[in-house]
Amino acid sequence: MSRKTLAVSGLLAAALTATLAPTAQAASSTITRAEYDKVKLGASISKMHSVAGRGACKLTSSSGGSGYSSKVYECKGNKQYSSAMFSFGNGKLGMKSQGGLDGKKSNGKMTKAKYKKITKGKTIAQMHDIAGKGVCVRVADAEATGAKSASYTCEQSSTYGSASFTFTNNKVISRAQYGLR
């Protein structure tokens, strides 16, 4: 390979890198479900930024006094209408929540009979066993010290109906349905 070919190849590689760099940077301006899951309770603000990318999460609230400071960051999700929120106390993650990062849709096979069987106290696994695979999808969850909560939506597509279930520490605490048959 001649020096001229090497020089042209080097310039081409540099041009491609410069062209693709903004695309790569734009991709990191959102947070994915996998990135959200990597930010554990107790993590630092810098850990959140290193996992999600600096452009994904914006400081939306900050306060402090008497030896305590709090900061809340909101992050744009990589799925349509999705987002995440991280709340820090004295620089450590104390609570996090997300909505829509899973990006899944119900297969539409929920029924009123299935809904009636998913009662308060049932677990997430029991809900899936009763409703069937792909019927109920997680639409949001939150985690704080000592508590985890999640919301699931289960749809009926033949005649539109929907059920929702809220879990705290893996148990149904509330449920609602509309239009199920």
Protein backbone atom coordinates (compact mmCIF):
# COMPACT_ATOMS: atom_id res chain seq x y z
CA MET A 1 0.00 0.00 0.00
CA SER A 2 1.47 3.37 -1.02
CA ARG A 3 1.92 6.34 1.31
CA LYS A 4 -0.66 8.27 -0.70
CA THR A 5 -3.24 5.48 -0.23
CA LEU A 6 -2.46 5.35 3.51
CA ALA A 7 -2.85 9.13 3.79
CA VAL A 8 -6.18 9.10 1.92
CA SER A 9 -7.37 6.15 4.06
CA GLY A 10 -6.43 8.06 7.21
CA LEU A 11 -8.31 11.18 6.06
CA LEU A 12 -11.33 9.08 5.11
CA ALA A 13 -11.32 7.39 8.53
CA ALA A 14 -11.09 10.78 10.26
CA ALA A 15 -13.94 12.16 8.15
CA LEU A 16 -16.13 9.14 8.88
CA THR A 17 -15.39 9.43 12.60
CA ALA A 18 -16.32 13.12 12.57
CA THR A 19 -19.50 12.37 10.62
CA LEU A 20 -20.60 9.51 12.85
CA ALA A 21 -19.65 11.13 16.18
CA PRO A 22 -22.77 13.34 16.39
CA THR A 23 -24.95 10.28 15.69
CA ALA A 24 -23.30 8.34 18.49
CA GLN A 25 -23.69 11.32 20.82
CA ALA A 26 -27.36 11.71 19.92
CA ALA A 27 -27.98 8.04 20.70
CA SER A 28 -26.62 8.53 24.23
CA SER A 29 -28.98 11.46 24.91
CA THR A 30 -31.63 8.96 26.03
CA ILE A 31 -31.67 6.24 28.67
CA THR A 32 -32.52 2.58 28.00
CA ARG A 33 -34.10 0.05 30.36
CA ALA A 34 -30.74 -1.75 30.66
CA GLU A 35 -29.00 1.51 31.63
CA TYR A 36 -31.75 2.35 34.13
CA ASP A 37 -31.33 -1.07 35.76
CA LYS A 38 -27.56 -0.51 36.15
CA VAL A 39 -28.10 2.56 38.36
CA LYS A 40 -28.63 0.95 41.78
CA LEU A 41 -29.89 2.52 45.00
CA GLY A 42 -26.95 4.14 46.80
CA ALA A 43 -25.23 5.05 43.50
CA SER A 44 -23.66 8.48 43.02
CA ILE A 45 -24.76 11.17 40.58
CA SER A 46 -21.58 10.60 38.57
CA LYS A 47 -22.44 6.87 38.29
CA MET A 48 -25.86 7.79 36.86
CA HIS A 49 -24.23 10.11 34.31
CA SER A 50 -21.57 7.53 33.36
CA VAL A 51 -24.20 4.83 32.77
CA ALA A 52 -26.85 6.95 31.05
CA GLY A 53 -24.58 9.40 29.27
CA ARG A 54 -24.28 13.07 30.16
CA GLY A 55 -26.99 14.24 27.78
CA ALA A 56 -29.73 11.84 28.92
CA CYS A 57 -30.49 13.17 32.42
CA LYS A 58 -31.18 16.78 33.35
CA LEU A 59 -31.26 18.28 36.85
CA THR A 60 -34.86 19.38 37.47
CA SER A 61 -34.86 20.09 41.20
CA SER A 62 -32.26 20.92 43.80
CA SER A 63 -32.54 21.94 47.45
CA GLY A 64 -30.51 21.83 50.60
CA GLY A 65 -30.04 22.98 54.13
CA SER A 66 -29.15 21.74 57.64
CA GLY A 67 -26.63 19.21 56.35
CA TYR A 68 -28.93 17.64 53.75
CA SER A 69 -29.14 18.23 50.02
CA SER A 70 -31.44 16.71 47.44
CA LYS A 71 -31.29 16.63 43.67
CA VAL A 72 -33.76 15.18 41.20
CA TYR A 73 -32.78 14.24 37.65
CA GLU A 74 -35.21 13.44 34.86
CA CYS A 75 -34.05 11.43 31.87
CA LYS A 76 -35.55 11.11 28.42
CA GLY A 77 -36.21 7.47 27.58
CA ASN A 78 -35.26 5.74 24.33
CA LYS A 79 -38.87 4.61 23.69
CA GLN A 80 -41.72 6.93 22.68
CA TYR A 81 -43.27 8.60 25.76
CA SER A 82 -40.73 7.00 28.13
CA SER A 83 -38.71 8.58 30.92
CA ALA A 84 -36.83 7.90 34.13
CA MET A 85 -36.37 9.86 37.35
CA PHE A 86 -33.56 9.62 39.89
CA SER A 87 -33.75 11.29 43.32
CA PHE A 88 -30.53 11.78 45.28
CA GLY A 89 -30.08 12.69 48.95
CA ASN A 90 -26.62 13.89 49.94
CA GLY A 91 -25.29 12.62 46.62
CA LYS A 92 -26.62 9.05 46.97
CA LEU A 93 -29.53 7.58 45.00
CA GLY A 94 -32.48 7.08 47.36
CA MET A 95 -35.32 6.57 44.86
CA LYS A 96 -35.71 5.88 41.17
CA SER A 97 -38.68 5.41 38.85
CA GLN A 98 -39.35 4.85 35.19
CA GLY A 99 -42.26 4.79 32.83
CA GLY A 100 -42.37 3.18 29.40
CA LEU A 101 -38.72 2.10 29.15
CA ASP A 102 -39.74 -1.53 28.59
CA GLY A 103 -41.53 -0.49 25.39
CA LYS A 104 -43.66 -3.64 25.32
CA LYS A 105 -47.30 -3.91 24.31
CA SER A 106 -49.96 -6.29 25.60
CA ASN A 107 -51.00 -9.06 23.22
CA GLY A 108 -54.64 -8.10 23.91
CA LYS A 109 -55.81 -11.38 25.45
CA MET A 110 -57.01 -10.13 28.85
CA THR A 111 -60.52 -11.17 29.97
CA LYS A 112 -62.80 -10.28 32.86
CA ALA A 113 -62.57 -13.88 34.12
CA LYS A 114 -58.76 -13.63 34.31
CA TYR A 115 -59.02 -10.22 36.00
CA LYS A 116 -61.29 -11.61 38.73
CA LYS A 117 -58.67 -14.24 39.61
CA ILE A 118 -55.87 -11.69 40.06
CA THR A 119 -56.78 -10.47 43.54
CA LYS A 120 -54.99 -8.39 46.17
CA GLY A 121 -51.99 -10.23 47.56
CA LYS A 122 -51.18 -12.17 44.35
CA THR A 123 -47.58 -11.95 43.11
CA ILE A 124 -46.34 -10.73 39.74
CA ALA A 125 -45.56 -14.34 38.76
CA GLN A 126 -49.10 -15.42 39.71
CA MET A 127 -50.54 -12.57 37.62
CA HIS A 128 -48.55 -13.78 34.59
CA ASP A 129 -49.59 -17.41 35.21
CA ILE A 130 -53.28 -16.44 35.34
CA ALA A 131 -53.31 -13.91 32.50
CA GLY A 132 -50.96 -15.79 30.17
CA LYS A 133 -47.69 -14.90 28.46
CA GLY A 134 -47.55 -11.42 26.94
CA VAL A 135 -50.93 -10.28 28.28
CA CYS A 136 -49.74 -8.02 31.10
CA VAL A 137 -46.81 -5.67 30.51
CA ARG A 138 -44.92 -3.52 33.00
CA VAL A 139 -45.51 0.13 32.21
CA ALA A 140 -43.79 1.73 35.22
CA ASP A 141 -41.85 0.91 38.34
CA ALA A 142 -40.21 2.64 41.26
CA GLU A 143 -37.70 1.66 43.89
CA ALA A 144 -36.79 3.24 47.21
CA THR A 145 -35.05 1.87 50.28
CA GLY A 146 -37.18 -1.00 51.55
CA ALA A 147 -39.88 -0.80 48.87
CA LYS A 148 -40.33 -1.66 45.22
CA SER A 149 -43.46 -0.94 43.23
CA ALA A 150 -44.55 -1.75 39.70
CA SER A 151 -47.57 -1.08 37.50
CA TYR A 152 -48.80 -3.45 34.82
CA THR A 153 -51.39 -2.99 32.08
CA CYS A 154 -53.28 -5.89 30.51
CA GLU A 155 -55.41 -5.21 27.43
CA GLN A 156 -58.31 -6.89 25.69
CA SER A 157 -58.28 -6.08 22.00
CA SER A 158 -61.43 -7.79 20.67
CA THR A 159 -63.69 -5.21 22.35
CA TYR A 160 -61.43 -2.69 23.95
CA GLY A 161 -60.95 -3.27 27.64
CA SER A 162 -58.06 -2.86 30.01
CA ALA A 163 -56.92 -3.91 33.46
CA SER A 164 -54.20 -2.39 35.57
CA PHE A 165 -52.43 -3.81 38.59
CA THR A 166 -50.14 -2.07 41.06
CA PHE A 167 -47.66 -4.12 43.07
CA THR A 168 -45.63 -3.17 46.12
CA ASN A 169 -42.91 -5.58 47.18
CA ASN A 170 -44.23 -8.13 44.65
CA LYS A 171 -47.85 -8.19 45.92
CA VAL A 172 -50.99 -6.73 44.28
CA ILE A 173 -52.07 -3.71 46.34
CA SER A 174 -54.56 -2.23 43.89
CA ARG A 175 -56.31 -3.21 40.70
CA ALA A 176 -58.80 -1.72 38.28
CA GLN A 177 -60.46 -2.66 35.02
CA TYR A 178 -62.54 -0.99 32.37
CA GLY A 179 -64.58 -2.64 29.65
CA LEU A 180 -63.32 -6.20 30.06
CA ARG A 181 -65.65 -8.98 28.92
